[in-house]
Amino acid sequence: IGTIAAHTALAYGCTAVTEASLGEPVLDNDPALTEAVWA
C-alpha cells in the first residue's frame, strides 16, 4: 500500500505518506482446543 501510494503520487508530481496503526491481531483458533470442544 505504501509503495502504490508513493508511486501514484509521484506520477502526479505529488508525495504520499502512509501511516499504519495496527489494530487487532489475526485470530487463529487453537487446533487442539477446537477438537476438544467438538468432542
PDB file of all heavy atoms in Angstrom:
ATOM      1  N   ILE A   1       0.841  -1.205   0.000  1.00  0.00           N
ATOM      2  CA  ILE A   1       0.000   0.000   0.000  1.00  0.00           C
ATOM      3  C   ILE A   1       0.872   1.250   0.000  1.00  0.00           C
ATOM      4  O   ILE A   1       0.621   2.201  -0.744  1.00  0.00           O
ATOM      5  CB  ILE A   1      -0.971  -0.004   1.202  1.00  0.00           C
ATOM      6  CG1 ILE A   1      -2.051  -1.064   0.989  1.00  0.00           C
ATOM      7  CG2 ILE A   1      -1.600   1.377   1.420  1.00  0.00           C
ATOM      8  CD1 ILE A   1      -2.854  -1.379   2.243  1.00  0.00           C
ATOM      9  N   GLY A   2       1.915   1.240   0.823  1.00  0.00           N
ATOM     10  CA  GLY A   2       2.840   2.378   0.858  1.00  0.00           C
ATOM     11  C   GLY A   2       3.523   2.594  -0.478  1.00  0.00           C
ATOM     12  O   GLY A   2       3.661   3.734  -0.951  1.00  0.00           O
ATOM     13  N   THR A   3       3.943   1.517  -1.110  1.00  0.00           N
ATOM     14  CA  THR A   3       4.613   1.597  -2.413  1.00  0.00           C
ATOM     15  C   THR A   3       3.659   2.134  -3.478  1.00  0.00           C
ATOM     16  O   THR A   3       4.019   3.019  -4.264  1.00  0.00           O
ATOM     17  CB  THR A   3       5.153   0.207  -2.825  1.00  0.00           C
ATOM     18  OG1 THR A   3       6.086  -0.224  -1.839  1.00  0.00           O
ATOM     19  CG2 THR A   3       5.825   0.256  -4.183  1.00  0.00           C
ATOM     20  N   ILE A   4       2.451   1.611  -3.511  1.00  0.00           N
ATOM     21  CA  ILE A   4       1.465   2.060  -4.506  1.00  0.00           C
ATOM     22  C   ILE A   4       1.126   3.534  -4.297  1.00  0.00           C
ATOM     23  O   ILE A   4       1.059   4.315  -5.252  1.00  0.00           O
ATOM     24  CB  ILE A   4       0.190   1.189  -4.446  1.00  0.00           C
ATOM     25  CG1 ILE A   4       0.505  -0.217  -4.968  1.00  0.00           C
ATOM     26  CG2 ILE A   4      -0.950   1.831  -5.239  1.00  0.00           C
ATOM     27  CD1 ILE A   4      -0.599  -1.229  -4.720  1.00  0.00           C
ATOM     28  N   ALA A   5       0.927   3.939  -3.053  1.00  0.00           N
ATOM     29  CA  ALA A   5       0.603   5.339  -2.761  1.00  0.00           C
ATOM     30  C   ALA A   5       1.746   6.254  -3.200  1.00  0.00           C
ATOM     31  O   ALA A   5       1.509   7.289  -3.845  1.00  0.00           O
ATOM     32  CB  ALA A   5       0.306   5.518  -1.275  1.00  0.00           C
ATOM     33  N   ALA A   6       2.976   5.874  -2.888  1.00  0.00           N
ATOM     34  CA  ALA A   6       4.144   6.696  -3.246  1.00  0.00           C
ATOM     35  C   ALA A   6       4.287   6.820  -4.761  1.00  0.00           C
ATOM     36  O   ALA A   6       4.508   7.917  -5.287  1.00  0.00           O
ATOM     37  CB  ALA A   6       5.401   6.111  -2.626  1.00  0.00           C
ATOM     38  N   HIS A   7       4.152   5.716  -5.485  1.00  0.00           N
ATOM     39  CA  HIS A   7       4.317   5.747  -6.939  1.00  0.00           C
ATOM     40  C   HIS A   7       3.163   6.468  -7.635  1.00  0.00           C
ATOM     41  O   HIS A   7       3.386   7.181  -8.623  1.00  0.00           O
ATOM     42  CB  HIS A   7       4.478   4.334  -7.486  1.00  0.00           C
ATOM     43  CG  HIS A   7       5.800   3.729  -7.144  1.00  0.00           C
ATOM     44  ND1 HIS A   7       6.022   2.385  -7.177  1.00  0.00           N
ATOM     45  CD2 HIS A   7       6.975   4.278  -6.749  1.00  0.00           C
ATOM     46  CE1 HIS A   7       7.273   2.131  -6.824  1.00  0.00           C
ATOM     47  NE2 HIS A   7       7.858   3.271  -6.555  1.00  0.00           N
ATOM     48  N   THR A   8       1.960   6.301  -7.122  1.00  0.00           N
ATOM     49  CA  THR A   8       0.810   7.002  -7.704  1.00  0.00           C
ATOM     50  C   THR A   8       0.973   8.507  -7.507  1.00  0.00           C
ATOM     51  O   THR A   8       0.765   9.290  -8.438  1.00  0.00           O
ATOM     52  CB  THR A   8      -0.511   6.509  -7.077  1.00  0.00           C
ATOM     53  OG1 THR A   8      -0.620   5.099  -7.284  1.00  0.00           O
ATOM     54  CG2 THR A   8      -1.704   7.226  -7.691  1.00  0.00           C
ATOM     55  N   ALA A   9       1.356   8.912  -6.321  1.00  0.00           N
ATOM     56  CA  ALA A   9       1.575  10.335  -6.051  1.00  0.00           C
ATOM     57  C   ALA A   9       2.693  10.883  -6.928  1.00  0.00           C
ATOM     58  O   ALA A   9       2.555  11.967  -7.513  1.00  0.00           O
ATOM     59  CB  ALA A   9       1.900  10.535  -4.574  1.00  0.00           C
ATOM     60  N   LEU A  10       3.772  10.138  -7.065  1.00  0.00           N
ATOM     61  CA  LEU A  10       4.913  10.566  -7.883  1.00  0.00           C
ATOM     62  C   LEU A  10       4.492  10.769  -9.341  1.00  0.00           C
ATOM     63  O   LEU A  10       4.934  11.716 -10.002  1.00  0.00           O
ATOM     64  CB  LEU A  10       6.036   9.527  -7.793  1.00  0.00           C
ATOM     65  CG  LEU A  10       7.347   9.874  -8.476  1.00  0.00           C
ATOM     66  CD1 LEU A  10       7.956  11.132  -7.857  1.00  0.00           C
ATOM     67  CD2 LEU A  10       8.325   8.709  -8.362  1.00  0.00           C
ATOM     68  N   ALA A  11       3.618   9.916  -9.830  1.00  0.00           N
ATOM     69  CA  ALA A  11       3.145  10.033 -11.208  1.00  0.00           C
ATOM     70  C   ALA A  11       2.396  11.349 -11.438  1.00  0.00           C
ATOM     71  O   ALA A  11       2.321  11.835 -12.568  1.00  0.00           O
ATOM     72  CB  ALA A  11       2.239   8.854 -11.554  1.00  0.00           C
ATOM     73  N   TYR A  12       1.859  11.941 -10.380  1.00  0.00           N
ATOM     74  CA  TYR A  12       1.126  13.208 -10.485  1.00  0.00           C
ATOM     75  C   TYR A  12       1.929  14.381  -9.920  1.00  0.00           C
ATOM     76  O   TYR A  12       1.378  15.466  -9.705  1.00  0.00           O
ATOM     77  CB  TYR A  12      -0.221  13.100  -9.767  1.00  0.00           C
ATOM     78  CG  TYR A  12      -1.191  12.214 -10.501  1.00  0.00           C
ATOM     79  CD1 TYR A  12      -1.325  10.870 -10.175  1.00  0.00           C
ATOM     80  CD2 TYR A  12      -1.952  12.725 -11.551  1.00  0.00           C
ATOM     81  CE1 TYR A  12      -2.202  10.053 -10.865  1.00  0.00           C
ATOM     82  CE2 TYR A  12      -2.837  11.917 -12.244  1.00  0.00           C
ATOM     83  CZ  TYR A  12      -2.958  10.574 -11.904  1.00  0.00           C
ATOM     84  OH  TYR A  12      -3.823   9.774 -12.590  1.00  0.00           O
ATOM     85  N   GLY A  13       3.220  14.160  -9.647  1.00  0.00           N
ATOM     86  CA  GLY A  13       4.056  15.230  -9.127  1.00  0.00           C
ATOM     87  C   GLY A  13       3.773  15.568  -7.678  1.00  0.00           C
ATOM     88  O   GLY A  13       3.994  16.693  -7.238  1.00  0.00           O
ATOM     89  N   CYS A  14       3.305  14.617  -6.930  1.00  0.00           N
ATOM     90  CA  CYS A  14       2.963  14.823  -5.519  1.00  0.00           C
ATOM     91  C   CYS A  14       3.778  13.865  -4.646  1.00  0.00           C
ATOM     92  O   CYS A  14       4.573  13.080  -5.145  1.00  0.00           O
ATOM     93  CB  CYS A  14       1.478  14.539  -5.294  1.00  0.00           C
ATOM     94  SG  CYS A  14       0.359  15.515  -6.303  1.00  0.00           S
ATOM     95  N   THR A  15       3.546  13.950  -3.373  1.00  0.00           N
ATOM     96  CA  THR A  15       4.141  12.989  -2.436  1.00  0.00           C
ATOM     97  C   THR A  15       3.022  12.339  -1.640  1.00  0.00           C
ATOM     98  O   THR A  15       1.942  12.907  -1.497  1.00  0.00           O
ATOM     99  CB  THR A  15       5.130  13.673  -1.471  1.00  0.00           C
ATOM    100  OG1 THR A  15       4.430  14.687  -0.744  1.00  0.00           O
ATOM    101  CG2 THR A  15       6.315  14.284  -2.200  1.00  0.00           C
ATOM    102  N   ALA A  16       3.317  11.166  -1.131  1.00  0.00           N
ATOM    103  CA  ALA A  16       2.337  10.454  -0.305  1.00  0.00           C
ATOM    104  C   ALA A  16       3.026   9.936   0.943  1.00  0.00           C
ATOM    105  O   ALA A  16       4.178   9.503   0.896  1.00  0.00           O
ATOM    106  CB  ALA A  16       1.724   9.300  -1.079  1.00  0.00           C
ATOM    107  N   VAL A  17       2.319   9.993   2.024  1.00  0.00           N
ATOM    108  CA  VAL A  17       2.796   9.452   3.294  1.00  0.00           C
ATOM    109  C   VAL A  17       1.746   8.457   3.778  1.00  0.00           C
ATOM    110  O   VAL A  17       0.556   8.778   3.790  1.00  0.00           O
ATOM    111  CB  VAL A  17       2.985  10.567   4.355  1.00  0.00           C
ATOM    112  CG1 VAL A  17       3.379   9.988   5.688  1.00  0.00           C
ATOM    113  CG2 VAL A  17       3.994  11.591   3.869  1.00  0.00           C
ATOM    114  N   THR A  18       2.183   7.257   4.142  1.00  0.00           N
ATOM    115  CA  THR A  18       1.242   6.291   4.707  1.00  0.00           C
ATOM    116  C   THR A  18       1.619   6.038   6.150  1.00  0.00           C
ATOM    117  O   THR A  18       2.795   5.961   6.499  1.00  0.00           O
ATOM    118  CB  THR A  18       1.238   4.958   3.927  1.00  0.00           C
ATOM    119  OG1 THR A  18       2.557   4.431   3.905  1.00  0.00           O
ATOM    120  CG2 THR A  18       0.757   5.162   2.499  1.00  0.00           C
ATOM    121  N   GLU A  19       0.604   5.947   6.980  1.00  0.00           N
ATOM    122  CA  GLU A  19       0.793   5.628   8.392  1.00  0.00           C
ATOM    123  C   GLU A  19      -0.143   4.477   8.730  1.00  0.00           C
ATOM    124  O   GLU A  19      -1.292   4.458   8.291  1.00  0.00           O
ATOM    125  CB  GLU A  19       0.443   6.830   9.274  1.00  0.00           C
ATOM    126  CG  GLU A  19       1.309   8.041   9.040  1.00  0.00           C
ATOM    127  CD  GLU A  19       0.851   9.250   9.844  1.00  0.00           C
ATOM    128  OE1 GLU A  19      -0.086   9.108  10.671  1.00  0.00           O
ATOM    129  OE2 GLU A  19       1.418  10.326   9.647  1.00  0.00           O
ATOM    130  N   ALA A  20       0.354   3.544   9.517  1.00  0.00           N
ATOM    131  CA  ALA A  20      -0.475   2.400   9.898  1.00  0.00           C
ATOM    132  C   ALA A  20      -0.521   2.284  11.420  1.00  0.00           C
ATOM    133  O   ALA A  20       0.509   2.343  12.083  1.00  0.00           O
ATOM    134  CB  ALA A  20       0.075   1.117   9.299  1.00  0.00           C
ATOM    135  N   SER A  21      -1.719   2.154  11.928  1.00  0.00           N
ATOM    136  CA  SER A  21      -1.918   1.829  13.339  1.00  0.00           C
ATOM    137  C   SER A  21      -2.449   0.407  13.363  1.00  0.00           C
ATOM    138  O   SER A  21      -3.560   0.157  12.901  1.00  0.00           O
ATOM    139  CB  SER A  21      -2.945   2.766  13.983  1.00  0.00           C
ATOM    140  OG  SER A  21      -2.507   4.088  13.918  1.00  0.00           O
ATOM    141  N   LEU A  22      -1.633  -0.500  13.849  1.00  0.00           N
ATOM    142  CA  LEU A  22      -2.050  -1.897  13.846  1.00  0.00           C
ATOM    143  C   LEU A  22      -3.155  -2.102  14.870  1.00  0.00           C
ATOM    144  O   LEU A  22      -3.026  -1.734  16.023  1.00  0.00           O
ATOM    145  CB  LEU A  22      -0.870  -2.814  14.142  1.00  0.00           C
ATOM    146  CG  LEU A  22       0.274  -2.742  13.128  1.00  0.00           C
ATOM    147  CD1 LEU A  22       1.378  -3.713  13.508  1.00  0.00           C
ATOM    148  CD2 LEU A  22      -0.212  -3.012  11.722  1.00  0.00           C
ATOM    149  N   GLY A  23      -4.227  -2.689  14.410  1.00  0.00           N
ATOM    150  CA  GLY A  23      -5.356  -2.985  15.294  1.00  0.00           C
ATOM    151  C   GLY A  23      -5.225  -4.381  15.865  1.00  0.00           C
ATOM    152  O   GLY A  23      -4.140  -4.821  16.248  1.00  0.00           O
ATOM    153  N   GLU A  24      -6.311  -5.079  15.856  1.00  0.00           N
ATOM    154  CA  GLU A  24      -6.357  -6.415  16.422  1.00  0.00           C
ATOM    155  C   GLU A  24      -5.499  -7.379  15.598  1.00  0.00           C
ATOM    156  O   GLU A  24      -5.457  -7.285  14.380  1.00  0.00           O
ATOM    157  CB  GLU A  24      -7.801  -6.945  16.447  1.00  0.00           C
ATOM    158  CG  GLU A  24      -8.725  -6.181  17.348  1.00  0.00           C
ATOM    159  CD  GLU A  24      -9.281  -4.907  16.730  1.00  0.00           C
ATOM    160  OE1 GLU A  24      -8.957  -4.599  15.561  1.00  0.00           O
ATOM    161  OE2 GLU A  24     -10.021  -4.192  17.412  1.00  0.00           O
ATOM    162  N   PRO A  25      -4.818  -8.309  16.282  1.00  0.00           N
ATOM    163  CA  PRO A  25      -4.052  -9.314  15.538  1.00  0.00           C
ATOM    164  C   PRO A  25      -4.989 -10.310  14.853  1.00  0.00           C
ATOM    165  O   PRO A  25      -6.187 -10.352  15.148  1.00  0.00           O
ATOM    166  CB  PRO A  25      -3.225 -10.010  16.625  1.00  0.00           C
ATOM    167  CG  PRO A  25      -3.933  -9.746  17.898  1.00  0.00           C
ATOM    168  CD  PRO A  25      -4.674  -8.452  17.729  1.00  0.00           C
ATOM    169  N   VAL A  26      -4.425 -11.089  13.949  1.00  0.00           N
ATOM    170  CA  VAL A  26      -5.194 -12.128  13.276  1.00  0.00           C
ATOM    171  C   VAL A  26      -5.641 -13.149  14.317  1.00  0.00           C
ATOM    172  O   VAL A  26      -4.872 -13.524  15.202  1.00  0.00           O
ATOM    173  CB  VAL A  26      -4.327 -12.807  12.191  1.00  0.00           C
ATOM    174  CG1 VAL A  26      -5.034 -14.003  11.592  1.00  0.00           C
ATOM    175  CG2 VAL A  26      -3.973 -11.791  11.116  1.00  0.00           C
ATOM    176  N   LEU A  27      -6.885 -13.581  14.223  1.00  0.00           N
ATOM    177  CA  LEU A  27      -7.418 -14.552  15.174  1.00  0.00           C
ATOM    178  C   LEU A  27      -7.323 -15.958  14.578  1.00  0.00           C
ATOM    179  O   LEU A  27      -7.857 -16.215  13.509  1.00  0.00           O
ATOM    180  CB  LEU A  27      -8.883 -14.230  15.490  1.00  0.00           C
ATOM    181  CG  LEU A  27      -9.492 -15.006  16.657  1.00  0.00           C
ATOM    182  CD1 LEU A  27     -10.578 -14.187  17.311  1.00  0.00           C
ATOM    183  CD2 LEU A  27     -10.020 -16.352  16.265  1.00  0.00           C
ATOM    184  N   ASP A  28      -6.600 -16.832  15.254  1.00  0.00           N
ATOM    185  CA  ASP A  28      -6.494 -18.226  14.835  1.00  0.00           C
ATOM    186  C   ASP A  28      -7.003 -19.116  15.951  1.00  0.00           C
ATOM    187  O   ASP A  28      -6.564 -19.002  17.095  1.00  0.00           O
ATOM    188  CB  ASP A  28      -5.037 -18.602  14.522  1.00  0.00           C
ATOM    189  CG  ASP A  28      -4.581 -18.056  13.190  1.00  0.00           C
ATOM    190  OD1 ASP A  28      -5.342 -18.181  12.211  1.00  0.00           O
ATOM    191  OD2 ASP A  28      -3.473 -17.494  13.116  1.00  0.00           O
ATOM    192  N   ASN A  29      -7.922 -20.011  15.618  1.00  0.00           N
ATOM    193  CA  ASN A  29      -8.417 -20.975  16.593  1.00  0.00           C
ATOM    194  C   ASN A  29      -7.337 -22.017  16.864  1.00  0.00           C
ATOM    195  O   ASN A  29      -6.651 -22.463  15.946  1.00  0.00           O
ATOM    196  CB  ASN A  29      -9.679 -21.670  16.083  1.00  0.00           C
ATOM    197  CG  ASN A  29     -10.889 -20.759  16.126  1.00  0.00           C
ATOM    198  OD1 ASN A  29     -10.935 -19.802  16.880  1.00  0.00           O
ATOM    199  ND2 ASN A  29     -11.875 -21.066  15.317  1.00  0.00           N
ATOM    200  N   ASP A  30      -7.201 -22.406  18.130  1.00  0.00           N
ATOM    201  CA  ASP A  30      -6.245 -23.426  18.526  1.00  0.00           C
ATOM    202  C   ASP A  30      -6.762 -24.797  18.075  1.00  0.00           C
ATOM    203  O   ASP A  30      -7.886 -25.179  18.442  1.00  0.00           O
ATOM    204  CB  ASP A  30      -6.061 -23.398  20.046  1.00  0.00           C
ATOM    205  CG  ASP A  30      -5.062 -24.426  20.513  1.00  0.00           C
ATOM    206  OD1 ASP A  30      -3.857 -24.174  20.349  1.00  0.00           O
ATOM    207  OD2 ASP A  30      -5.502 -25.485  21.028  1.00  0.00           O
ATOM    208  N   PRO A  31      -5.983 -25.562  17.295  1.00  0.00           N
ATOM    209  CA  PRO A  31      -6.465 -26.857  16.780  1.00  0.00           C
ATOM    210  C   PRO A  31      -6.827 -27.861  17.880  1.00  0.00           C
ATOM    211  O   PRO A  31      -7.858 -28.540  17.781  1.00  0.00           O
ATOM    212  CB  PRO A  31      -5.299 -27.363  15.936  1.00  0.00           C
ATOM    213  CG  PRO A  31      -4.520 -26.140  15.570  1.00  0.00           C
ATOM    214  CD  PRO A  31      -4.681 -25.205  16.731  1.00  0.00           C
ATOM    215  N   ALA A  32      -6.014 -27.973  18.923  1.00  0.00           N
ATOM    216  CA  ALA A  32      -6.304 -28.939  19.991  1.00  0.00           C
ATOM    217  C   ALA A  32      -7.588 -28.555  20.732  1.00  0.00           C
ATOM    218  O   ALA A  32      -8.420 -29.411  21.043  1.00  0.00           O
ATOM    219  CB  ALA A  32      -5.130 -29.028  20.965  1.00  0.00           C
ATOM    220  N   LEU A  33      -7.757 -27.281  20.990  1.00  0.00           N
ATOM    221  CA  LEU A  33      -8.970 -26.820  21.671  1.00  0.00           C
ATOM    222  C   LEU A  33     -10.190 -27.015  20.769  1.00  0.00           C
ATOM    223  O   LEU A  33     -11.262 -27.409  21.239  1.00  0.00           O
ATOM    224  CB  LEU A  33      -8.827 -25.348  22.078  1.00  0.00           C
ATOM    225  CG  LEU A  33      -9.988 -24.735  22.856  1.00  0.00           C
ATOM    226  CD1 LEU A  33     -10.304 -25.537  24.119  1.00  0.00           C
ATOM    227  CD2 LEU A  33      -9.682 -23.286  23.197  1.00  0.00           C
ATOM    228  N   THR A  34     -10.025 -26.783  19.490  1.00  0.00           N
ATOM    229  CA  THR A  34     -11.122 -26.995  18.542  1.00  0.00           C
ATOM    230  C   THR A  34     -11.596 -28.443  18.586  1.00  0.00           C
ATOM    231  O   THR A  34     -12.799 -28.717  18.657  1.00  0.00           O
ATOM    232  CB  THR A  34     -10.674 -26.627  17.114  1.00  0.00           C
ATOM    233  OG1 THR A  34     -10.272 -25.244  17.102  1.00  0.00           O
ATOM    234  CG2 THR A  34     -11.788 -26.826  16.110  1.00  0.00           C
ATOM    235  N   GLU A  35     -10.663 -29.386  18.564  1.00  0.00           N
ATOM    236  CA  GLU A  35     -11.020 -30.811  18.623  1.00  0.00           C
ATOM    237  C   GLU A  35     -11.692 -31.173  19.946  1.00  0.00           C
ATOM    238  O   GLU A  35     -12.669 -31.920  19.982  1.00  0.00           O
ATOM    239  CB  GLU A  35      -9.777 -31.680  18.407  1.00  0.00           C
ATOM    240  CG  GLU A  35      -9.253 -31.654  16.990  1.00  0.00           C
ATOM    241  CD  GLU A  35     -10.254 -32.197  15.974  1.00  0.00           C
ATOM    242  OE1 GLU A  35     -10.953 -33.187  16.276  1.00  0.00           O
ATOM    243  OE2 GLU A  35     -10.349 -31.615  14.882  1.00  0.00           O
ATOM    244  N   ALA A  36     -11.160 -30.629  21.043  1.00  0.00           N
ATOM    245  CA  ALA A  36     -11.726 -30.935  22.364  1.00  0.00           C
ATOM    246  C   ALA A  36     -13.144 -30.393  22.498  1.00  0.00           C
ATOM    247  O   ALA A  36     -14.017 -31.046  23.079  1.00  0.00           O
ATOM    248  CB  ALA A  36     -10.826 -30.360  23.459  1.00  0.00           C
ATOM    249  N   VAL A  37     -13.387 -29.217  21.957  1.00  0.00           N
ATOM    250  CA  VAL A  37     -14.727 -28.635  22.034  1.00  0.00           C
ATOM    251  C   VAL A  37     -15.681 -29.396  21.111  1.00  0.00           C
ATOM    252  O   VAL A  37     -16.828 -29.665  21.481  1.00  0.00           O
ATOM    253  CB  VAL A  37     -14.691 -27.127  21.698  1.00  0.00           C
ATOM    254  CG1 VAL A  37     -16.097 -26.552  21.578  1.00  0.00           C
ATOM    255  CG2 VAL A  37     -13.902 -26.375  22.768  1.00  0.00           C
ATOM    256  N   TRP A  38     -15.210 -29.790  19.933  1.00  0.00           N
ATOM    257  CA  TRP A  38     -16.064 -30.554  19.024  1.00  0.00           C
ATOM    258  C   TRP A  38     -16.476 -31.879  19.665  1.00  0.00           C
ATOM    259  O   TRP A  38     -17.608 -32.329  19.483  1.00  0.00           O
ATOM    260  CB  TRP A  38     -15.379 -30.784  17.690  1.00  0.00           C
ATOM    261  CG  TRP A  38     -16.184 -31.637  16.764  1.00  0.00           C
ATOM    262  CD1 TRP A  38     -15.809 -32.806  16.194  1.00  0.00           C
ATOM    263  CD2 TRP A  38     -17.529 -31.403  16.332  1.00  0.00           C
ATOM    264  NE1 TRP A  38     -16.828 -33.318  15.432  1.00  0.00           N
ATOM    265  CE2 TRP A  38     -17.903 -32.473  15.500  1.00  0.00           C
ATOM    266  CE3 TRP A  38     -18.457 -30.399  16.571  1.00  0.00           C
ATOM    267  CZ2 TRP A  38     -19.152 -32.563  14.903  1.00  0.00           C
ATOM    268  CZ3 TRP A  38     -19.711 -30.490  15.980  1.00  0.00           C
ATOM    269  CH2 TRP A  38     -20.042 -31.562  15.160  1.00  0.00           C
ATOM    270  N   ALA A  39     -15.585 -32.476  20.444  1.00  0.00           N
ATOM    271  CA  ALA A  39     -15.928 -33.722  21.141  1.00  0.00           C
ATOM    272  C   ALA A  39     -17.076 -33.503  22.122  1.00  0.00           C
ATOM    273  O   ALA A  39     -17.846 -34.424  22.403  1.00  0.00           O
ATOM    274  CB  ALA A  39     -14.702 -34.265  21.875  1.00  0.00           C
TER     275      ALA A  39
END
